[in-house]
């Protein structure tokens, strides 16, 4: 679980020059799930590229990713790790302009054993 959170958080950190990154964890004991939301005020992901973010070597804009480095594998790895733990990783929303410009939310769910 820690590696999944680390990958998503690192991605948020990479694309957030100013503002904030938040991590919210909810435990739902009735469904025995852990829900983790990572939200940032970074550059956002354009709508036309959102379907590509979990694909290998995905880069929306070479000029942005070249400055930030990376292979475009972090979110793919995080999604794979989430699935191995019986959960998932999804993009909830992202905006590159307007009142919620830069808001990017990821949602990690995983089953928990007690």
Foldseek 3Di string as FASTA:
>chain_A
DVLLVVLVVVVQVLFAPDDDWDWDWDADVVQQKIKIKIKHQGQWDDPVCQVPLLPWQDDPDCVSCVVSDDRSHSNVVSQVVLVVQVWGKHWDDIARDDPSHRITMIMGMGGDDD
